Amino acid sequence: MGKFSIKTGKNGDYYFNLKAVNGQIILASQGYSNKAGCENGIESVRKNANDDARFERNEAKNGQHYFNLKASNGQIIGTSEMYTTKAAMENGIESVGKNAPEATLVMEE
């Protein structure tokens, strides 16, 4: 089972990562000013993770691929790492859908 980890950045903002079973980060959030907002972001990931229409597929200038997961209002909830191929990016999207709904929540130091 995957897990969400919440950490506090040096600027005091809260961030979450969704990690696959192997510990690899498959989705990272932007900063939230408070922990409750961060937790709401996690719930939004859980709610939207199995809706393919919520994934925005992108190609960076260097040719690598990445995706954003968006909420129903169009706001980006999380961004993936960079992938060398479209197929690897699609596997990352599939992994978010598989891991997010049942992922546990942990706090990191």
PDB file of N, CA and C in Angstrom:
ATOM      1  N   MET A   1       0.838  -1.178   0.000  1.00  0.00           N
ATOM      2  CA  MET A   1       0.000   0.000   0.000  1.00  0.00           C
ATOM      3  C   MET A   1       0.887   1.246   0.000  1.00  0.00           C
ATOM      4  N   GLY A   2       0.492   2.226  -0.771  1.00  0.00           N
ATOM      5  CA  GLY A   2       1.238   3.478  -0.810  1.00  0.00           C
ATOM      6  C   GLY A   2       0.981   4.299   0.438  1.00  0.00           C
ATOM      7  N   LYS A   3       1.661   5.451   0.510  1.00  0.00           N
ATOM      8  CA  LYS A   3       1.432   6.326   1.659  1.00  0.00           C
ATOM      9  C   LYS A   3       1.614   7.776   1.266  1.00  0.00           C
ATOM     10  N   PHE A   4       0.867   8.623   1.947  1.00  0.00           N
ATOM     11  CA  PHE A   4       1.040  10.058   1.855  1.00  0.00           C
ATOM     12  C   PHE A   4       1.926  10.463   3.018  1.00  0.00           C
ATOM     13  N   SER A   5       2.915  11.295   2.746  1.00  0.00           N
ATOM     14  CA  SER A   5       3.728  11.834   3.826  1.00  0.00           C
ATOM     15  C   SER A   5       3.615  13.351   3.792  1.00  0.00           C
ATOM     16  N   ILE A   6       3.422  13.930   4.965  1.00  0.00           N
ATOM     17  CA  ILE A   6       3.348  15.387   5.111  1.00  0.00           C
ATOM     18  C   ILE A   6       4.644  15.843   5.760  1.00  0.00           C
ATOM     19  N   LYS A   7       5.213  16.898   5.202  1.00  0.00           N
ATOM     20  CA  LYS A   7       6.415  17.477   5.804  1.00  0.00           C
ATOM     21  C   LYS A   7       6.269  18.993   5.796  1.00  0.00           C
ATOM     22  N   THR A   8       7.034  19.624   6.666  1.00  0.00           N
ATOM     23  CA  THR A   8       7.047  21.078   6.740  1.00  0.00           C
ATOM     24  C   THR A   8       8.307  21.581   6.055  1.00  0.00           C
ATOM     25  N   GLY A   9       8.139  22.533   5.152  1.00  0.00           N
ATOM     26  CA  GLY A   9       9.274  23.109   4.452  1.00  0.00           C
ATOM     27  C   GLY A   9       9.980  24.152   5.303  1.00  0.00           C
ATOM     28  N   LYS A  10      11.148  24.573   4.842  1.00  0.00           N
ATOM     29  CA  LYS A  10      11.924  25.585   5.573  1.00  0.00           C
ATOM     30  C   LYS A  10      11.168  26.902   5.683  1.00  0.00           C
ATOM     31  N   ASN A  11      10.247  27.133   4.743  1.00  0.00           N
ATOM     32  CA  ASN A  11       9.463  28.367   4.752  1.00  0.00           C
ATOM     33  C   ASN A  11       8.238  28.267   5.660  1.00  0.00           C
ATOM     34  N   GLY A  12       8.047  27.097   6.313  1.00  0.00           N
ATOM     35  CA  GLY A  12       6.908  26.914   7.205  1.00  0.00           C
ATOM     36  C   GLY A  12       5.675  26.346   6.535  1.00  0.00           C
ATOM     37  N   ASP A  13       5.690  26.243   5.211  1.00  0.00           N
ATOM     38  CA  ASP A  13       4.563  25.662   4.491  1.00  0.00           C
ATOM     39  C   ASP A  13       4.561  24.145   4.649  1.00  0.00           C
ATOM     40  N   TYR A  14       3.386  23.560   4.451  1.00  0.00           N
ATOM     41  CA  TYR A  14       3.222  22.107   4.505  1.00  0.00           C
ATOM     42  C   TYR A  14       3.152  21.558   3.081  1.00  0.00           C
ATOM     43  N   TYR A  15       3.761  20.413   2.885  1.00  0.00           N
ATOM     44  CA  TYR A  15       3.799  19.739   1.588  1.00  0.00           C
ATOM     45  C   TYR A  15       3.464  18.271   1.796  1.00  0.00           C
ATOM     46  N   PHE A  16       2.859  17.654   0.767  1.00  0.00           N
ATOM     47  CA  PHE A  16       2.694  16.208   0.839  1.00  0.00           C
ATOM     48  C   PHE A  16       3.310  15.546  -0.384  1.00  0.00           C
ATOM     49  N   ASN A  17       3.721  14.317  -0.193  1.00  0.00           N
ATOM     50  CA  ASN A  17       4.156  13.448  -1.278  1.00  0.00           C
ATOM     51  C   ASN A  17       3.324  12.184  -1.200  1.00  0.00           C
ATOM     52  N   LEU A  18       2.968  11.662  -2.367  1.00  0.00           N
ATOM     53  CA  LEU A  18       2.375  10.333  -2.451  1.00  0.00           C
ATOM     54  C   LEU A  18       3.487   9.399  -2.881  1.00  0.00           C
ATOM     55  N   LYS A  19       3.731   8.377  -2.069  1.00  0.00           N
ATOM     56  CA  LYS A  19       4.804   7.432  -2.356  1.00  0.00           C
ATOM     57  C   LYS A  19       4.208   6.066  -2.680  1.00  0.00           C
ATOM     58  N   ALA A  20       4.780   5.413  -3.676  1.00  0.00           N
ATOM     59  CA  ALA A  20       4.377   4.056  -4.029  1.00  0.00           C
ATOM     60  C   ALA A  20       4.906   3.095  -2.975  1.00  0.00           C
ATOM     61  N   VAL A  21       4.511   1.833  -3.087  1.00  0.00           N
ATOM     62  CA  VAL A  21       4.931   0.804  -2.136  1.00  0.00           C
ATOM     63  C   VAL A  21       6.455   0.742  -2.023  1.00  0.00           C
ATOM     64  N   ASN A  22       7.158   0.978  -3.146  1.00  0.00           N
ATOM     65  CA  ASN A  22       8.623   0.908  -3.145  1.00  0.00           C
ATOM     66  C   ASN A  22       9.282   2.172  -2.595  1.00  0.00           C
ATOM     67  N   GLY A  23       8.474   3.139  -2.140  1.00  0.00           N
ATOM     68  CA  GLY A  23       9.005   4.363  -1.556  1.00  0.00           C
ATOM     69  C   GLY A  23       9.256   5.485  -2.542  1.00  0.00           C
ATOM     70  N   GLN A  24       9.056   5.212  -3.827  1.00  0.00           N
ATOM     71  CA  GLN A  24       9.280   6.234  -4.850  1.00  0.00           C
ATOM     72  C   GLN A  24       8.154   7.273  -4.806  1.00  0.00           C
ATOM     73  N   ILE A  25       8.520   8.546  -4.880  1.00  0.00           N
ATOM     74  CA  ILE A  25       7.524   9.620  -4.909  1.00  0.00           C
ATOM     75  C   ILE A  25       6.871   9.631  -6.290  1.00  0.00           C
ATOM     76  N   ILE A  26       5.539   9.514  -6.302  1.00  0.00           N
ATOM     77  CA  ILE A  26       4.824   9.521  -7.573  1.00  0.00           C
ATOM     78  C   ILE A  26       3.998  10.789  -7.780  1.00  0.00           C
ATOM     79  N   LEU A  27       3.811  11.568  -6.703  1.00  0.00           N
ATOM     80  CA  LEU A  27       3.083  12.825  -6.815  1.00  0.00           C
ATOM     81  C   LEU A  27       3.525  13.734  -5.682  1.00  0.00           C
ATOM     82  N   ALA A  28       3.777  15.006  -5.979  1.00  0.00           N
ATOM     83  CA  ALA A  28       4.207  15.980  -4.973  1.00  0.00           C
ATOM     84  C   ALA A  28       3.299  17.204  -5.048  1.00  0.00           C
ATOM     85  N   SER A  29       2.994  17.775  -3.895  1.00  0.00           N
ATOM     86  CA  SER A  29       2.095  18.934  -3.837  1.00  0.00           C
ATOM     87  C   SER A  29       2.854  20.244  -3.883  1.00  0.00           C
ATOM     88  N   GLN A  30       2.092  21.309  -4.055  1.00  0.00           N
ATOM     89  CA  GLN A  30       2.623  22.645  -3.832  1.00  0.00           C
ATOM     90  C   GLN A  30       2.553  22.910  -2.340  1.00  0.00           C
ATOM     91  N   GLY A  31       3.000  24.055  -1.887  1.00  0.00           N
ATOM     92  CA  GLY A  31       2.979  24.378  -0.467  1.00  0.00           C
ATOM     93  C   GLY A  31       1.606  24.827   0.003  1.00  0.00           C
ATOM     94  N   TYR A  32       1.280  24.451   1.222  1.00  0.00           N
ATOM     95  CA  TYR A  32       0.050  24.895   1.877  1.00  0.00           C
ATOM     96  C   TYR A  32       0.443  25.668   3.130  1.00  0.00           C
ATOM     97  N   SER A  33      -0.293  26.734   3.438  1.00  0.00           N
ATOM     98  CA  SER A  33       0.065  27.566   4.591  1.00  0.00           C
ATOM     99  C   SER A  33      -0.264  26.899   5.919  1.00  0.00           C
ATOM    100  N   ASN A  34      -1.138  25.890   5.902  1.00  0.00           N
ATOM    101  CA  ASN A  34      -1.455  25.198   7.152  1.00  0.00           C
ATOM    102  C   ASN A  34      -1.669  23.709   6.893  1.00  0.00           C
ATOM    103  N   LYS A  35      -1.594  22.935   7.971  1.00  0.00           N
ATOM    104  CA  LYS A  35      -1.693  21.477   7.868  1.00  0.00           C
ATOM    105  C   LYS A  35      -3.075  21.044   7.375  1.00  0.00           C
ATOM    106  N   ALA A  36      -4.118  21.728   7.811  1.00  0.00           N
ATOM    107  CA  ALA A  36      -5.481  21.371   7.391  1.00  0.00           C
ATOM    108  C   ALA A  36      -5.638  21.507   5.877  1.00  0.00           C
ATOM    109  N   GLY A  37      -5.077  22.545   5.303  1.00  0.00           N
ATOM    110  CA  GLY A  37      -5.125  22.722   3.851  1.00  0.00           C
ATOM    111  C   GLY A  37      -4.398  21.600   3.143  1.00  0.00           C
ATOM    112  N   CYS A  38      -3.265  21.193   3.693  1.00  0.00           N
ATOM    113  CA  CYS A  38      -2.485  20.093   3.135  1.00  0.00           C
ATOM    114  C   CYS A  38      -3.290  18.790   3.179  1.00  0.00           C
ATOM    115  N   GLU A  39      -3.946  18.544   4.304  1.00  0.00           N
ATOM    116  CA  GLU A  39      -4.778  17.341   4.439  1.00  0.00           C
ATOM    117  C   GLU A  39      -5.954  17.371   3.471  1.00  0.00           C
ATOM    118  N   ASN A  40      -6.528  18.562   3.235  1.00  0.00           N
ATOM    119  CA  ASN A  40      -7.593  18.686   2.241  1.00  0.00           C
ATOM    120  C   ASN A  40      -7.071  18.366   0.843  1.00  0.00           C
ATOM    121  N   GLY A  41      -5.838  18.768   0.561  1.00  0.00           N
ATOM    122  CA  GLY A  41      -5.213  18.440  -0.722  1.00  0.00           C
ATOM    123  C   GLY A  41      -5.081  16.939  -0.901  1.00  0.00           C
ATOM    124  N   ILE A  42      -4.709  16.242   0.158  1.00  0.00           N
ATOM    125  CA  ILE A  42      -4.592  14.782   0.110  1.00  0.00           C
ATOM    126  C   ILE A  42      -5.955  14.153  -0.180  1.00  0.00           C
ATOM    127  N   GLU A  43      -6.993  14.647   0.482  1.00  0.00           N
ATOM    128  CA  GLU A  43      -8.336  14.113   0.234  1.00  0.00           C
ATOM    129  C   GLU A  43      -8.754  14.356  -1.214  1.00  0.00           C
ATOM    130  N   SER A  44      -8.357  15.498  -1.771  1.00  0.00           N
ATOM    131  CA  SER A  44      -8.665  15.796  -3.162  1.00  0.00           C
ATOM    132  C   SER A  44      -7.944  14.831  -4.101  1.00  0.00           C
ATOM    133  N   VAL A  45      -6.700  14.471  -3.764  1.00  0.00           N
ATOM    134  CA  VAL A  45      -5.982  13.475  -4.565  1.00  0.00           C
ATOM    135  C   VAL A  45      -6.738  12.152  -4.520  1.00  0.00           C
ATOM    136  N   ARG A  46      -7.127  11.731  -3.330  1.00  0.00           N
ATOM    137  CA  ARG A  46      -7.866  10.464  -3.192  1.00  0.00           C
ATOM    138  C   ARG A  46      -9.127  10.470  -4.042  1.00  0.00           C
ATOM    139  N   LYS A  47      -9.829  11.604  -4.042  1.00  0.00           N
ATOM    140  CA  LYS A  47     -11.102  11.715  -4.751  1.00  0.00           C
ATOM    141  C   LYS A  47     -10.919  11.734  -6.270  1.00  0.00           C
ATOM    142  N   ASN A  48      -9.832  12.319  -6.739  1.00  0.00           N
ATOM    143  CA  ASN A  48      -9.643  12.521  -8.178  1.00  0.00           C
ATOM    144  C   ASN A  48      -8.697  11.526  -8.843  1.00  0.00           C
ATOM    145  N   ALA A  49      -8.048  10.675  -8.063  1.00  0.00           N
ATOM    146  CA  ALA A  49      -6.976   9.811  -8.573  1.00  0.00           C
ATOM    147  C   ALA A  49      -7.423   8.799  -9.616  1.00  0.00           C
ATOM    148  N   ASN A  50      -8.690   8.424  -9.612  1.00  0.00           N
ATOM    149  CA  ASN A  50      -9.162   7.428 -10.566  1.00  0.00           C
ATOM    150  C   ASN A  50      -9.975   8.015 -11.708  1.00  0.00           C
ATOM    151  N   ASP A  51      -9.889   9.335 -11.870  1.00  0.00           N
ATOM    152  CA  ASP A  51     -10.572  10.011 -12.978  1.00  0.00           C
ATOM    153  C   ASP A  51      -9.512  10.464 -13.979  1.00  0.00           C
ATOM    154  N   ASP A  52      -9.378   9.707 -15.068  1.00  0.00           N
ATOM    155  CA  ASP A  52      -8.324   9.994 -16.044  1.00  0.00           C
ATOM    156  C   ASP A  52      -8.402  11.417 -16.592  1.00  0.00           C
ATOM    157  N   ALA A  53      -9.608  11.972 -16.653  1.00  0.00           N
ATOM    158  CA  ALA A  53      -9.773  13.330 -17.179  1.00  0.00           C
ATOM    159  C   ALA A  53      -9.107  14.375 -16.289  1.00  0.00           C
ATOM    160  N   ARG A  54      -8.807  14.032 -15.041  1.00  0.00           N
ATOM    161  CA  ARG A  54      -8.180  14.977 -14.108  1.00  0.00           C
ATOM    162  C   ARG A  54      -6.655  15.050 -14.281  1.00  0.00           C
ATOM    163  N   PHE A  55      -6.106  14.154 -15.098  1.00  0.00           N
ATOM    164  CA  PHE A  55      -4.661  14.146 -15.312  1.00  0.00           C
ATOM    165  C   PHE A  55      -4.318  14.948 -16.559  1.00  0.00           C
ATOM    166  N   GLU A  56      -3.474  15.947 -16.375  1.00  0.00           N
ATOM    167  CA  GLU A  56      -2.985  16.772 -17.479  1.00  0.00           C
ATOM    168  C   GLU A  56      -1.590  16.273 -17.829  1.00  0.00           C
ATOM    169  N   ARG A  57      -1.454  15.748 -19.036  1.00  0.00           N
ATOM    170  CA  ARG A  57      -0.175  15.193 -19.491  1.00  0.00           C
ATOM    171  C   ARG A  57       0.616  16.273 -20.196  1.00  0.00           C
ATOM    172  N   ASN A  58       1.904  16.391 -19.845  1.00  0.00           N
ATOM    173  CA  ASN A  58       2.745  17.465 -20.374  1.00  0.00           C
ATOM    174  C   ASN A  58       4.090  16.937 -20.841  1.00  0.00           C
ATOM    175  N   GLU A  59       4.704  17.712 -21.721  1.00  0.00           N
ATOM    176  CA  GLU A  59       6.072  17.430 -22.144  1.00  0.00           C
ATOM    177  C   GLU A  59       6.927  18.657 -21.854  1.00  0.00           C
ATOM    178  N   ALA A  60       8.006  18.451 -21.125  1.00  0.00           N
ATOM    179  CA  ALA A  60       8.914  19.546 -20.790  1.00  0.00           C
ATOM    180  C   ALA A  60       9.757  19.923 -22.002  1.00  0.00           C
ATOM    181  N   LYS A  61      10.408  21.066 -21.932  1.00  0.00           N
ATOM    182  CA  LYS A  61      11.244  21.534 -23.043  1.00  0.00           C
ATOM    183  C   LYS A  61      12.362  20.563 -23.381  1.00  0.00           C
ATOM    184  N   ASN A  62      12.808  19.779 -22.387  1.00  0.00           N
ATOM    185  CA  ASN A  62      13.901  18.833 -22.626  1.00  0.00           C
ATOM    186  C   ASN A  62      13.402  17.488 -23.162  1.00  0.00           C
ATOM    187  N   GLY A  63      12.080  17.399 -23.457  1.00  0.00           N
ATOM    188  CA  GLY A  63      11.520  16.190 -24.043  1.00  0.00           C
ATOM    189  C   GLY A  63      11.023  15.176 -23.028  1.00  0.00           C
ATOM    190  N   GLN A  64      11.248  15.453 -21.736  1.00  0.00           N
ATOM    191  CA  GLN A  64      10.745  14.523 -20.730  1.00  0.00           C
ATOM    192  C   GLN A  64       9.255  14.781 -20.487  1.00  0.00           C
ATOM    193  N   HIS A  65       8.610  13.796 -19.887  1.00  0.00           N
ATOM    194  CA  HIS A  65       7.167  13.854 -19.691  1.00  0.00           C
ATOM    195  C   HIS A  65       6.836  13.919 -18.209  1.00  0.00           C
ATOM    196  N   TYR A  66       5.735  14.612 -17.903  1.00  0.00           N
ATOM    197  CA  TYR A  66       5.254  14.692 -16.525  1.00  0.00           C
ATOM    198  C   TYR A  66       3.756  14.944 -16.565  1.00  0.00           C
ATOM    199  N   PHE A  67       3.116  14.790 -15.412  1.00  0.00           N
ATOM    200  CA  PHE A  67       1.685  15.055 -15.354  1.00  0.00           C
ATOM    201  C   PHE A  67       1.335  15.866 -14.125  1.00  0.00           C
ATOM    202  N   ASN A  68       0.215  16.564 -14.238  1.00  0.00           N
ATOM    203  CA  ASN A  68      -0.396  17.255 -13.104  1.00  0.00           C
ATOM    204  C   ASN A  68      -1.735  16.594 -12.841  1.00  0.00           C
ATOM    205  N   LEU A  69      -2.076  16.450 -11.576  1.00  0.00           N
ATOM    206  CA  LEU A  69      -3.415  16.006 -11.189  1.00  0.00           C
ATOM    207  C   LEU A  69      -4.177  17.256 -10.779  1.00  0.00           C
ATOM    208  N   LYS A  70      -5.342  17.446 -11.391  1.00  0.00           N
ATOM    209  CA  LYS A  70      -6.125  18.650 -11.126  1.00  0.00           C
ATOM    210  C   LYS A  70      -7.431  18.314 -10.429  1.00  0.00           C
ATOM    211  N   ALA A  71      -7.874  19.231  -9.591  1.00  0.00           N
ATOM    212  CA  ALA A  71      -9.173  19.109  -8.940  1.00  0.00           C
ATOM    213  C   ALA A  71     -10.266  19.491  -9.932  1.00  0.00           C
ATOM    214  N   SER A  72     -11.523  19.307  -9.545  1.00  0.00           N
ATOM    215  CA  SER A  72     -12.639  19.626 -10.441  1.00  0.00           C
ATOM    216  C   SER A  72     -12.681  21.107 -10.805  1.00  0.00           C
ATOM    217  N   ASN A  73     -12.097  21.971  -9.967  1.00  0.00           N
ATOM    218  CA  ASN A  73     -12.063  23.410 -10.264  1.00  0.00           C
ATOM    219  C   ASN A  73     -10.877  23.807 -11.145  1.00  0.00           C
ATOM    220  N   GLY A  74     -10.078  22.805 -11.562  1.00  0.00           N
ATOM    221  CA  GLY A  74      -8.949  23.074 -12.444  1.00  0.00           C
ATOM    222  C   GLY A  74      -7.642  23.367 -11.733  1.00  0.00           C
ATOM    223  N   GLN A  75      -7.679  23.469 -10.404  1.00  0.00           N
ATOM    224  CA  GLN A  75      -6.463  23.752  -9.635  1.00  0.00           C
ATOM    225  C   GLN A  75      -5.577  22.512  -9.588  1.00  0.00           C
ATOM    226  N   ILE A  76      -4.268  22.720  -9.755  1.00  0.00           N
ATOM    227  CA  ILE A  76      -3.317  21.614  -9.672  1.00  0.00           C
ATOM    228  C   ILE A  76      -3.186  21.171  -8.221  1.00  0.00           C
ATOM    229  N   ILE A  77      -3.400  19.868  -7.997  1.00  0.00           N
ATOM    230  CA  ILE A  77      -3.273  19.298  -6.653  1.00  0.00           C
ATOM    231  C   ILE A  77      -1.862  18.750  -6.453  1.00  0.00           C
ATOM    232  N   GLY A  78      -1.317  18.146  -7.499  1.00  0.00           N
ATOM    233  CA  GLY A  78       0.001  17.535  -7.397  1.00  0.00           C
ATOM    234  C   GLY A  78       0.650  17.391  -8.753  1.00  0.00           C
ATOM    235  N   THR A  79       1.967  17.276  -8.736  1.00  0.00           N
ATOM    236  CA  THR A  79       2.771  17.150  -9.952  1.00  0.00           C
ATOM    237  C   THR A  79       3.677  15.938  -9.813  1.00  0.00           C
ATOM    238  N   SER A  80       3.871  15.245 -10.921  1.00  0.00           N
ATOM    239  CA  SER A  80       4.723  14.052 -10.923  1.00  0.00           C
ATOM    240  C   SER A  80       6.183  14.423 -11.077  1.00  0.00           C
ATOM    241  N   GLU A  81       7.016  13.401 -10.988  1.00  0.00           N
ATOM    242  CA  GLU A  81       8.417  13.541 -11.347  1.00  0.00           C
ATOM    243  C   GLU A  81       8.513  13.588 -12.872  1.00  0.00           C
ATOM    244  N   MET A  82       9.716  13.752 -13.390  1.00  0.00           N
ATOM    245  CA  MET A  82       9.934  13.706 -14.829  1.00  0.00           C
ATOM    246  C   MET A  82      10.158  12.257 -15.268  1.00  0.00           C
ATOM    247  N   TYR A  83       9.564  11.916 -16.402  1.00  0.00           N
ATOM    248  CA  TYR A  83       9.702  10.576 -16.973  1.00  0.00           C
ATOM    249  C   TYR A  83      10.351  10.692 -18.351  1.00  0.00           C
ATOM    250  N   THR A  84      11.159   9.702 -18.702  1.00  0.00           N
ATOM    251  CA  THR A  84      11.856   9.751 -19.992  1.00  0.00           C
ATOM    252  C   THR A  84      10.949   9.371 -21.154  1.00  0.00           C
ATOM    253  N   THR A  85       9.885   8.620 -20.883  1.00  0.00           N
ATOM    254  CA  THR A  85       8.979   8.214 -21.969  1.00  0.00           C
ATOM    255  C   THR A  85       7.526   8.461 -21.575  1.00  0.00           C
ATOM    256  N   LYS A  86       6.667   8.546 -22.596  1.00  0.00           N
ATOM    257  CA  LYS A  86       5.235   8.682 -22.338  1.00  0.00           C
ATOM    258  C   LYS A  86       4.709   7.451 -21.612  1.00  0.00           C
ATOM    259  N   ALA A  87       5.208   6.274 -21.995  1.00  0.00           N
ATOM    260  CA  ALA A  87       4.750   5.031 -21.367  1.00  0.00           C
ATOM    261  C   ALA A  87       5.058   5.032 -19.873  1.00  0.00           C
ATOM    262  N   ALA A  88       6.232   5.499 -19.500  1.00  0.00           N
ATOM    263  CA  ALA A  88       6.599   5.566 -18.087  1.00  0.00           C
ATOM    264  C   ALA A  88       5.694   6.552 -17.355  1.00  0.00           C
ATOM    265  N   MET A  89       5.363   7.667 -18.010  1.00  0.00           N
ATOM    266  CA  MET A  89       4.452   8.641 -17.415  1.00  0.00           C
ATOM    267  C   MET A  89       3.076   8.008 -17.205  1.00  0.00           C
ATOM    268  N   GLU A  90       2.583   7.264 -18.181  1.00  0.00           N
ATOM    269  CA  GLU A  90       1.277   6.601 -18.049  1.00  0.00           C
ATOM    270  C   GLU A  90       1.299   5.595 -16.894  1.00  0.00           C
ATOM    271  N   ASN A  91       2.427   4.918 -16.711  1.00  0.00           N
ATOM    272  CA  ASN A  91       2.563   4.009 -15.571  1.00  0.00           C
ATOM    273  C   ASN A  91       2.486   4.778 -14.261  1.00  0.00           C
ATOM    274  N   GLY A  92       3.068   5.986 -14.236  1.00  0.00           N
ATOM    275  CA  GLY A  92       2.995   6.832 -13.050  1.00  0.00           C
ATOM    276  C   GLY A  92       1.565   7.235 -12.737  1.00  0.00           C
ATOM    277  N   ILE A  93       0.803   7.579 -13.767  1.00  0.00           N
ATOM    278  CA  ILE A  93      -0.612   7.933 -13.586  1.00  0.00           C
ATOM    279  C   ILE A  93      -1.380   6.729 -13.034  1.00  0.00           C
ATOM    280  N   GLU A  94      -1.123   5.570 -13.597  1.00  0.00           N
ATOM    281  CA  GLU A  94      -1.769   4.347 -13.122  1.00  0.00           C
ATOM    282  C   GLU A  94      -1.421   4.078 -11.658  1.00  0.00           C
ATOM    283  N   SER A  95      -0.175   4.339 -11.298  1.00  0.00           N
ATOM    284  CA  SER A  95       0.278   4.129  -9.925  1.00  0.00           C
ATOM    285  C   SER A  95      -0.429   5.070  -8.952  1.00  0.00           C
ATOM    286  N   VAL A  96      -0.661   6.316  -9.356  1.00  0.00           N
ATOM    287  CA  VAL A  96      -1.408   7.251  -8.510  1.00  0.00           C
ATOM    288  C   VAL A  96      -2.814   6.702  -8.272  1.00  0.00           C
ATOM    289  N   GLY A  97      -3.468   6.243  -9.340  1.00  0.00           N
ATOM    290  CA  GLY A  97      -4.815   5.697  -9.209  1.00  0.00           C
ATOM    291  C   GLY A  97      -4.877   4.472  -8.322  1.00  0.00           C
ATOM    292  N   LYS A  98      -3.825   3.671  -8.361  1.00  0.00           N
ATOM    293  CA  LYS A  98      -3.784   2.443  -7.576  1.00  0.00           C
ATOM    294  C   LYS A  98      -3.439   2.726  -6.106  1.00  0.00           C
ATOM    295  N   ASN A  99      -2.547   3.656  -5.848  1.00  0.00           N
ATOM    296  CA  ASN A  99      -2.036   3.894  -4.501  1.00  0.00           C
ATOM    297  C   ASN A  99      -2.816   4.935  -3.690  1.00  0.00           C
ATOM    298  N   ALA A 100      -3.292   5.993  -4.330  1.00  0.00           N
ATOM    299  CA  ALA A 100      -3.863   7.123  -3.585  1.00  0.00           C
ATOM    300  C   ALA A 100      -5.105   6.785  -2.762  1.00  0.00           C
ATOM    301  N   PRO A 101      -6.086   6.064  -3.306  1.00  0.00           N
ATOM    302  CA  PRO A 101      -7.330   5.901  -2.543  1.00  0.00           C
ATOM    303  C   PRO A 101      -7.166   5.255  -1.167  1.00  0.00           C
ATOM    304  N   GLU A 102      -6.262   4.311  -1.023  1.00  0.00           N
ATOM    305  CA  GLU A 102      -6.099   3.593   0.243  1.00  0.00           C
ATOM    306  C   GLU A 102      -4.795   3.927   0.976  1.00  0.00           C
ATOM    307  N   ALA A 103      -4.067   4.909   0.480  1.00  0.00           N
ATOM    308  CA  ALA A 103      -2.767   5.234   1.075  1.00  0.00           C
ATOM    309  C   ALA A 103      -2.916   5.713   2.510  1.00  0.00           C
ATOM    310  N   THR A 104      -1.987   5.287   3.360  1.00  0.00           N
ATOM    311  CA  THR A 104      -1.953   5.747   4.742  1.00  0.00           C
ATOM    312  C   THR A 104      -1.333   7.135   4.790  1.00  0.00           C
ATOM    313  N   LEU A 105      -1.474   7.798   5.920  1.00  0.00           N
ATOM    314  CA  LEU A 105      -0.944   9.153   6.091  1.00  0.00           C
ATOM    315  C   LEU A 105       0.076   9.141   7.224  1.00  0.00           C
ATOM    316  N   VAL A 106       1.266   9.674   6.957  1.00  0.00           N
ATOM    317  CA  VAL A 106       2.319   9.772   7.974  1.00  0.00           C
ATOM    318  C   VAL A 106       2.901  11.181   7.974  1.00  0.00           C
ATOM    319  N   MET A 107       3.393  11.594   9.129  1.00  0.00           N
ATOM    320  CA  MET A 107       4.103  12.870   9.241  1.00  0.00           C
ATOM    321  C   MET A 107       5.585  12.595   9.177  1.00  0.00           C
ATOM    322  N   GLU A 108       6.322  13.420   8.447  1.00  0.00           N
ATOM    323  CA  GLU A 108       7.781  13.303   8.402  1.00  0.00           C
ATOM    324  C   GLU A 108       8.375  14.442   9.199  1.00  0.00           C
ATOM    325  N   GLU A 109       9.552  14.182   9.716  1.00  0.00           N
ATOM    326  CA  GLU A 109      10.272  15.234  10.455  1.00  0.00           C
ATOM    327  C   GLU A 109      10.960  16.157   9.495  1.00  0.00           C
TER     328      GLU A 109
END
